[in-house]
C-alpha atoms as a PDB file:
ATOM      1  CA  MET A   1     -24.363  25.715 -10.722  1.00  0.00           C
ATOM      2  CA  GLU A   2     -24.203  29.455 -10.327  1.00  0.00           C
ATOM      3  CA  LYS A   3     -20.844  31.022 -11.078  1.00  0.00           C
ATOM      4  CA  SER A   4     -17.978  28.656 -11.842  1.00  0.00           C
ATOM      5  CA  LEU A   5     -17.493  27.277  -8.346  1.00  0.00           C
ATOM      6  CA  GLU A   6     -14.463  29.526  -7.951  1.00  0.00           C
ATOM      7  CA  LYS A   7     -16.046  30.910  -4.782  1.00  0.00           C
ATOM      8  CA  ALA A   8     -18.575  28.180  -4.136  1.00  0.00           C
ATOM      9  CA  SER A   9     -18.726  25.175  -1.857  1.00  0.00           C
ATOM     10  CA  LEU A  10     -19.915  21.634  -2.408  1.00  0.00           C
ATOM     11  CA  THR A  11     -22.937  20.114  -0.724  1.00  0.00           C
ATOM     12  CA  VAL A  12     -22.671  16.767   1.067  1.00  0.00           C
ATOM     13  CA  GLU A  13     -24.194  15.041  -1.969  1.00  0.00           C
ATOM     14  CA  GLN A  14     -21.689  16.702  -4.302  1.00  0.00           C
ATOM     15  CA  VAL A  15     -18.791  15.680  -2.061  1.00  0.00           C
ATOM     16  CA  LYS A  16     -20.066  12.109  -2.204  1.00  0.00           C
ATOM     17  CA  LYS A  17     -20.176  12.244  -6.009  1.00  0.00           C
ATOM     18  CA  LEU A  18     -16.742  13.917  -6.097  1.00  0.00           C
ATOM     19  CA  PHE A  19     -15.131  10.986  -4.325  1.00  0.00           C
ATOM     20  CA  ILE A  20     -17.074   8.342  -6.224  1.00  0.00           C
ATOM     21  CA  TYR A  21     -15.704   9.908  -9.425  1.00  0.00           C
ATOM     22  CA  THR A  22     -12.211  10.035  -7.926  1.00  0.00           C
ATOM     23  CA  GLY A  23     -12.426   6.406  -6.843  1.00  0.00           C
ATOM     24  CA  GLU A  24     -13.488   5.348 -10.322  1.00  0.00           C
ATOM     25  CA  LYS A  25     -10.518   7.156 -11.870  1.00  0.00           C
ATOM     26  CA  VAL A  26      -8.044   5.488  -9.516  1.00  0.00           C
ATOM     27  CA  GLN A  27      -9.541   2.108 -10.423  1.00  0.00           C
ATOM     28  CA  GLU A  28      -9.206   2.938 -14.131  1.00  0.00           C
ATOM     29  CA  ASN A  29      -5.477   3.506 -13.560  1.00  0.00           C
ATOM     30  CA  LYS A  30      -4.951   0.114 -11.894  1.00  0.00           C
ATOM     31  CA  GLN A  31      -2.710  -1.215 -14.673  1.00  0.00           C
ATOM     32  CA  LEU A  32      -0.625   1.967 -14.868  1.00  0.00           C
ATOM     33  CA  LEU A  33      -0.019   1.951 -11.112  1.00  0.00           C
ATOM     34  CA  THR A  34       0.812  -1.751 -11.140  1.00  0.00           C
ATOM     35  CA  LYS A  35       3.316  -1.202 -13.961  1.00  0.00           C
ATOM     36  CA  ILE A  36       4.981   1.717 -12.161  1.00  0.00           C
ATOM     37  CA  ASP A  37       5.168  -0.225  -8.899  1.00  0.00           C
ATOM     38  CA  GLY A  38       6.405  -3.343 -10.662  1.00  0.00           C
ATOM     39  CA  ALA A  39       9.540  -1.540 -11.825  1.00  0.00           C
ATOM     40  CA  ILE A  40      10.925  -1.006  -8.312  1.00  0.00           C
ATOM     41  CA  GLY A  41       8.323  -2.267  -5.837  1.00  0.00           C
ATOM     42  CA  ASP A  42       6.178  -5.327  -5.171  1.00  0.00           C
ATOM     43  CA  GLY A  43       3.962  -4.659  -8.180  1.00  0.00           C
ATOM     44  CA  ASP A  44       0.770  -4.738  -6.136  1.00  0.00           C
ATOM     45  CA  HIS A  45       0.126  -1.020  -5.594  1.00  0.00           C
ATOM     46  CA  GLY A  46      -2.405  -0.700  -8.409  1.00  0.00           C
ATOM     47  CA  ILE A  47      -4.260  -3.785  -7.211  1.00  0.00           C
ATOM     48  CA  GLY A  48      -4.397  -2.494  -3.650  1.00  0.00           C
ATOM     49  CA  MET A  49      -5.517   0.995  -4.626  1.00  0.00           C
ATOM     50  CA  SER A  50      -8.188  -0.358  -6.944  1.00  0.00           C
ATOM     51  CA  LEU A  51      -9.469  -2.674  -4.234  1.00  0.00           C
ATOM     52  CA  GLY A  52      -9.524   0.073  -1.622  1.00  0.00           C
ATOM     53  CA  PHE A  53     -11.366   2.607  -3.762  1.00  0.00           C
ATOM     54  CA  LYS A  54     -13.791  -0.034  -5.035  1.00  0.00           C
ATOM     55  CA  LYS A  55     -14.758  -0.838  -1.453  1.00  0.00           C
ATOM     56  CA  ALA A  56     -14.985   2.846  -0.593  1.00  0.00           C
ATOM     57  CA  ASN A  57     -17.235   3.514  -3.594  1.00  0.00           C
ATOM     58  CA  GLU A  58     -19.525   0.640  -2.637  1.00  0.00           C
ATOM     59  CA  LYS A  59     -19.920   2.158   0.837  1.00  0.00           C
ATOM     60  CA  LEU A  60     -20.426   5.658  -0.553  1.00  0.00           C
ATOM     61  CA  ARG A  61     -23.145   4.519  -2.958  1.00  0.00           C
ATOM     62  CA  GLU A  62     -25.123   2.587  -0.351  1.00  0.00           C
ATOM     63  CA  THR A  63     -24.967   5.238   2.392  1.00  0.00           C
ATOM     64  CA  GLU A  64     -26.840   8.494   2.928  1.00  0.00           C
ATOM     65  CA  PHE A  65     -24.623  11.118   4.556  1.00  0.00           C
ATOM     66  CA  THR A  66     -25.459  14.267   6.479  1.00  0.00           C
ATOM     67  CA  THR A  67     -21.907  15.613   6.919  1.00  0.00           C
ATOM     68  CA  VAL A  68     -18.686  15.884   4.930  1.00  0.00           C
ATOM     69  CA  ASN A  69     -16.885  14.315   7.906  1.00  0.00           C
ATOM     70  CA  GLU A  70     -18.813  11.062   7.508  1.00  0.00           C
ATOM     71  CA  ILE A  71     -17.820  10.806   3.843  1.00  0.00           C
ATOM     72  CA  PHE A  72     -14.107  11.205   4.545  1.00  0.00           C
ATOM     73  CA  LYS A  73     -14.293   8.730   7.420  1.00  0.00           C
ATOM     74  CA  THR A  74     -16.162   6.157   5.328  1.00  0.00           C
ATOM     75  CA  ILE A  75     -13.559   6.294   2.555  1.00  0.00           C
ATOM     76  CA  GLY A  76     -10.629   6.015   4.949  1.00  0.00           C
ATOM     77  CA  VAL A  77     -12.060   3.174   7.022  1.00  0.00           C
ATOM     78  CA  SER A  78     -13.049   1.288   3.860  1.00  0.00           C
ATOM     79  CA  MET A  79      -9.520   1.537   2.506  1.00  0.00           C
ATOM     80  CA  ILE A  80      -7.843   0.474   5.740  1.00  0.00           C
ATOM     81  CA  SER A  81     -10.149  -2.512   6.220  1.00  0.00           C
ATOM     82  CA  SER A  82     -10.044  -3.747   2.602  1.00  0.00           C
ATOM     83  CA  MET A  83      -6.407  -3.130   1.659  1.00  0.00           C
ATOM     84  CA  GLY A  84      -4.420  -4.035   4.734  1.00  0.00           C
ATOM     85  CA  GLY A  85      -0.701  -3.375   4.908  1.00  0.00           C
ATOM     86  CA  ALA A  86       1.128  -0.051   4.927  1.00  0.00           C
ATOM     87  CA  SER A  87      -0.584   1.389   1.840  1.00  0.00           C
ATOM     88  CA  GLY A  88      -4.028   0.796   3.306  1.00  0.00           C
ATOM     89  CA  VAL A  89      -3.134   2.578   6.525  1.00  0.00           C
ATOM     90  CA  ILE A  90      -1.351   5.471   4.809  1.00  0.00           C
ATOM     91  CA  PHE A  91      -4.011   6.139   2.174  1.00  0.00           C
ATOM     92  CA  GLY A  92      -6.765   5.518   4.725  1.00  0.00           C
ATOM     93  CA  THR A  93      -5.142   8.167   6.907  1.00  0.00           C
ATOM     94  CA  LEU A  94      -5.281  10.564   3.944  1.00  0.00           C
ATOM     95  CA  PHE A  95      -9.048  10.568   4.483  1.00  0.00           C
ATOM     96  CA  THR A  96      -9.378  10.000   8.243  1.00  0.00           C
ATOM     97  CA  GLY A  97      -6.304  11.843   9.524  1.00  0.00           C
ATOM     98  CA  GLY A  98      -7.710  15.321   9.052  1.00  0.00           C
ATOM     99  CA  LEU A  99     -10.978  14.772  10.921  1.00  0.00           C
ATOM    100  CA  LYS A 100      -9.782  14.865  14.527  1.00  0.00           C
ATOM    101  CA  GLY A 101     -11.402  17.746  16.384  1.00  0.00           C
ATOM    102  CA  LEU A 102     -13.318  18.857  13.286  1.00  0.00           C
ATOM    103  CA  ASP A 103     -16.877  20.000  13.910  1.00  0.00           C
ATOM    104  CA  PRO A 104     -19.577  18.430  11.701  1.00  0.00           C
ATOM    105  CA  GLN A 105     -19.469  20.119   8.290  1.00  0.00           C
ATOM    106  CA  GLU A 106     -22.362  20.253   5.819  1.00  0.00           C
ATOM    107  CA  THR A 107     -20.422  21.894   2.972  1.00  0.00           C
ATOM    108  CA  LEU A 108     -16.879  21.675   1.597  1.00  0.00           C
ATOM    109  CA  ASP A 109     -15.045  24.778   0.435  1.00  0.00           C
ATOM    110  CA  SER A 110     -11.394  25.370  -0.397  1.00  0.00           C
ATOM    111  CA  ASN A 111     -10.432  26.434   3.129  1.00  0.00           C
ATOM    112  CA  LEU A 112     -11.994  23.369   4.734  1.00  0.00           C
ATOM    113  CA  LEU A 113     -10.406  21.053   2.165  1.00  0.00           C
ATOM    114  CA  ALA A 114      -7.005  22.649   2.797  1.00  0.00           C
ATOM    115  CA  ASN A 115      -7.466  22.262   6.555  1.00  0.00           C
ATOM    116  CA  ILE A 116      -8.494  18.597   6.316  1.00  0.00           C
ATOM    117  CA  LEU A 117      -5.658  17.686   3.969  1.00  0.00           C
ATOM    118  CA  GLU A 118      -3.000  19.596   5.912  1.00  0.00           C
ATOM    119  CA  ASN A 119      -3.958  17.729   9.091  1.00  0.00           C
ATOM    120  CA  ALA A 120      -4.046  14.453   7.149  1.00  0.00           C
ATOM    121  CA  LEU A 121      -0.556  15.146   5.773  1.00  0.00           C
ATOM    122  CA  ASN A 122       0.765  15.688   9.293  1.00  0.00           C
ATOM    123  CA  ALA A 123      -0.920  12.499  10.509  1.00  0.00           C
ATOM    124  CA  ILE A 124       0.596  10.484   7.629  1.00  0.00           C
ATOM    125  CA  LYS A 125       4.088  11.875   8.281  1.00  0.00           C
ATOM    126  CA  GLN A 126       3.758  11.031  11.958  1.00  0.00           C
ATOM    127  CA  ARG A 127       2.547   7.533  11.225  1.00  0.00           C
ATOM    128  CA  GLY A 128       4.816   6.620   8.321  1.00  0.00           C
ATOM    129  CA  LYS A 129       7.912   8.662   9.277  1.00  0.00           C
ATOM    130  CA  ALA A 130       8.535   9.542   5.610  1.00  0.00           C
ATOM    131  CA  ASP A 131       9.503  13.038   4.498  1.00  0.00           C
ATOM    132  CA  LEU A 132      10.121  14.896   1.254  1.00  0.00           C
ATOM    133  CA  GLY A 133      12.803  13.215  -0.831  1.00  0.00           C
ATOM    134  CA  ASP A 134      12.161   9.707   0.502  1.00  0.00           C
ATOM    135  CA  LYS A 135      10.450   8.588  -2.736  1.00  0.00           C
ATOM    136  CA  THR A 136       6.977   8.081  -1.268  1.00  0.00           C
ATOM    137  CA  MET A 137       3.496   9.539  -1.683  1.00  0.00           C
ATOM    138  CA  ILE A 138       4.636  12.433   0.558  1.00  0.00           C
ATOM    139  CA  ASP A 139       6.652  13.792  -2.385  1.00  0.00           C
ATOM    140  CA  ALA A 140       3.399  14.512  -4.226  1.00  0.00           C
ATOM    141  CA  LEU A 141       1.085  15.087  -1.251  1.00  0.00           C
ATOM    142  CA  GLU A 142       3.064  17.710   0.643  1.00  0.00           C
ATOM    143  CA  PRO A 143       3.600  20.120  -2.283  1.00  0.00           C
ATOM    144  CA  ALA A 144      -0.014  19.596  -3.377  1.00  0.00           C
ATOM    145  CA  VAL A 145      -1.367  20.426   0.077  1.00  0.00           C
ATOM    146  CA  LEU A 146       0.895  23.474   0.400  1.00  0.00           C
ATOM    147  CA  ALA A 147      -0.184  24.753  -3.026  1.00  0.00           C
ATOM    148  CA  LEU A 148      -3.847  24.189  -2.195  1.00  0.00           C
ATOM    149  CA  LYS A 149      -3.500  25.909   1.181  1.00  0.00           C
ATOM    150  CA  GLN A 150      -1.730  28.924  -0.318  1.00  0.00           C
ATOM    151  CA  LYS A 151      -4.466  29.378  -2.921  1.00  0.00           C
ATOM    152  CA  ALA A 152      -7.226  28.933  -0.336  1.00  0.00           C
ATOM    153  CA  GLU A 153      -5.650  31.554   1.931  1.00  0.00           C
ATOM    154  CA  ASN A 154      -5.839  33.959  -1.018  1.00  0.00           C
ATOM    155  CA  ASP A 155      -9.595  33.309  -1.333  1.00  0.00           C
ATOM    156  CA  ALA A 156      -9.328  31.095  -4.414  1.00  0.00           C
ATOM    157  CA  GLY A 157     -12.189  28.696  -5.039  1.00  0.00           C
ATOM    158  CA  LEU A 158     -12.108  24.939  -5.285  1.00  0.00           C
ATOM    159  CA  LEU A 159     -11.221  24.756  -8.958  1.00  0.00           C
ATOM    160  CA  ALA A 160      -8.225  27.079  -8.732  1.00  0.00           C
ATOM    161  CA  CYS A 161      -7.033  25.345  -5.574  1.00  0.00           C
ATOM    162  CA  LEU A 162      -7.273  21.875  -7.087  1.00  0.00           C
ATOM    163  CA  LYS A 163      -5.556  22.988 -10.301  1.00  0.00           C
ATOM    164  CA  ALA A 164      -2.643  24.259  -8.232  1.00  0.00           C
ATOM    165  CA  ALA A 165      -2.612  21.079  -6.142  1.00  0.00           C
ATOM    166  CA  GLU A 166      -2.617  18.847  -9.222  1.00  0.00           C
ATOM    167  CA  GLU A 167       0.263  20.764 -10.816  1.00  0.00           C
ATOM    168  CA  ALA A 168       2.296  20.596  -7.604  1.00  0.00           C
ATOM    169  CA  ALA A 169       1.581  16.871  -7.245  1.00  0.00           C
ATOM    170  CA  ALA A 170       2.664  16.238 -10.845  1.00  0.00           C
ATOM    171  CA  GLN A 171       5.936  18.073 -10.220  1.00  0.00           C
ATOM    172  CA  GLY A 172       6.388  16.016  -7.060  1.00  0.00           C
ATOM    173  CA  VAL A 173       5.915  12.772  -8.985  1.00  0.00           C
ATOM    174  CA  GLU A 174       8.525  13.866 -11.518  1.00  0.00           C
ATOM    175  CA  LYS A 175      11.001  14.636  -8.741  1.00  0.00           C
ATOM    176  CA  THR A 176      10.659  11.123  -7.293  1.00  0.00           C
ATOM    177  CA  LYS A 177      12.471   9.824 -10.373  1.00  0.00           C
ATOM    178  CA  SER A 178      15.697  11.364  -9.066  1.00  0.00           C
ATOM    179  CA  TYR A 179      15.379  10.017  -5.507  1.00  0.00           C
ATOM    180  CA  ILE A 180      16.769   6.915  -3.831  1.00  0.00           C
ATOM    181  CA  ALA A 181      13.961   5.125  -1.975  1.00  0.00           C
ATOM    182  CA  LYS A 182      13.996   5.052   1.831  1.00  0.00           C
ATOM    183  CA  PHE A 183      11.005   2.731   2.285  1.00  0.00           C
ATOM    184  CA  GLY A 184       9.563  -0.512   0.913  1.00  0.00           C
ATOM    185  CA  ARG A 185      11.105  -2.965  -1.515  1.00  0.00           C
ATOM    186  CA  ALA A 186      12.555  -0.135  -3.580  1.00  0.00           C
ATOM    187  CA  LYS A 187      14.812   0.692  -0.623  1.00  0.00           C
ATOM    188  CA  THR A 188      16.867  -2.430  -1.378  1.00  0.00           C
ATOM    189  CA  LEU A 189      17.599  -1.224  -4.917  1.00  0.00           C
ATOM    190  CA  GLY A 190      19.635   1.804  -3.887  1.00  0.00           C
ATOM    191  CA  GLU A 191      20.624   3.898  -6.908  1.00  0.00           C
ATOM    192  CA  ARG A 192      18.916   1.433  -9.258  1.00  0.00           C
ATOM    193  CA  ALA A 193      15.605   3.009  -8.202  1.00  0.00           C
ATOM    194  CA  ILE A 194      16.688   6.298  -9.751  1.00  0.00           C
ATOM    195  CA  GLY A 195      14.856   7.014 -12.997  1.00  0.00           C
ATOM    196  CA  HIS A 196      11.617   5.434 -11.793  1.00  0.00           C
ATOM    197  CA  GLN A 197       8.709   7.393 -10.356  1.00  0.00           C
ATOM    198  CA  ASP A 198       6.998   6.389  -7.125  1.00  0.00           C
ATOM    199  CA  ALA A 199       3.651   4.627  -7.439  1.00  0.00           C
ATOM    200  CA  GLY A 200       2.167   6.117  -4.263  1.00  0.00           C
ATOM    201  CA  ALA A 201       3.039   9.637  -5.376  1.00  0.00           C
ATOM    202  CA  THR A 202       1.432   8.856  -8.741  1.00  0.00           C
ATOM    203  CA  THR A 203      -1.770   7.800  -6.977  1.00  0.00           C
ATOM    204  CA  VAL A 204      -1.827  11.090  -5.073  1.00  0.00           C
ATOM    205  CA  TRP A 205      -1.514  12.976  -8.373  1.00  0.00           C
ATOM    206  CA  ILE A 206      -4.391  10.940  -9.865  1.00  0.00           C
ATOM    207  CA  ILE A 207      -6.556  11.765  -6.834  1.00  0.00           C
ATOM    208  CA  PHE A 208      -6.006  15.517  -7.174  1.00  0.00           C
ATOM    209  CA  LYS A 209      -6.366  15.392 -10.959  1.00  0.00           C
ATOM    210  CA  SER A 210      -9.683  13.546 -10.621  1.00  0.00           C
ATOM    211  CA  MET A 211     -11.009  15.964  -8.008  1.00  0.00           C
ATOM    212  CA  LYS A 212     -10.109  18.866 -10.295  1.00  0.00           C
ATOM    213  CA  GLU A 213     -11.877  17.198 -13.228  1.00  0.00           C
ATOM    214  CA  TYR A 214     -15.059  16.713 -11.208  1.00  0.00           C
ATOM    215  CA  ILE A 215     -15.125  20.400 -10.274  1.00  0.00           C
ATOM    216  CA  GLU A 216     -14.433  21.382 -13.884  1.00  0.00           C
ATOM    217  CA  ASN A 217     -17.400  19.276 -15.011  1.00  0.00           C
ATOM    218  CA  LEU A 218     -19.612  20.979 -12.435  1.00  0.00           C
ATOM    219  CA  SER A 219     -18.386  24.383 -13.557  1.00  0.00           C
ATOM    220  CA  VAL A 220     -19.310  24.004 -17.222  1.00  0.00           C
END
């Protein structure tokens, strides 16, 4: 690749490979996510995430795409159909929720990624009714999206944007340890949930971390 991708964009094929890599990393963290969820939740988050991204990766590998939009839609639909339940819908919406009204795109740069994810964040908040401080994936996603958007507006490239997003997501995960849960099984624990991080927020951090790693590998 020319330059370091700081100002570059990804082709459709590179976006496909980006999310295959990301899906593999989420699957590799299945046990970690299950352990985190088992402390205060149903203990099935890692299993569900692994299943959803496995299905998405199967679809990505067997399909030829002409637009970035199709890739995001394929991932989201695969997750919703294979996972079921609230997590499937919420994480599926992370990929499908930002596509409404978006013209077909043949490249992905930092501004487009910020736009897609900001719209997806809004769609998730509308659908799930969770907000910051509720001990959900929103606690990692919202600060990550805001950090990414701020960097993109200052003409930063994909790598810088994803580094900022990952750092913000990690801080968000850490903050969930101090929150009382408002949703799911953890809601019934009250203050006993304090001290434990949220599994969904952890998954969001892994997604941004993996995307950053893929760009770093391209930039070498």
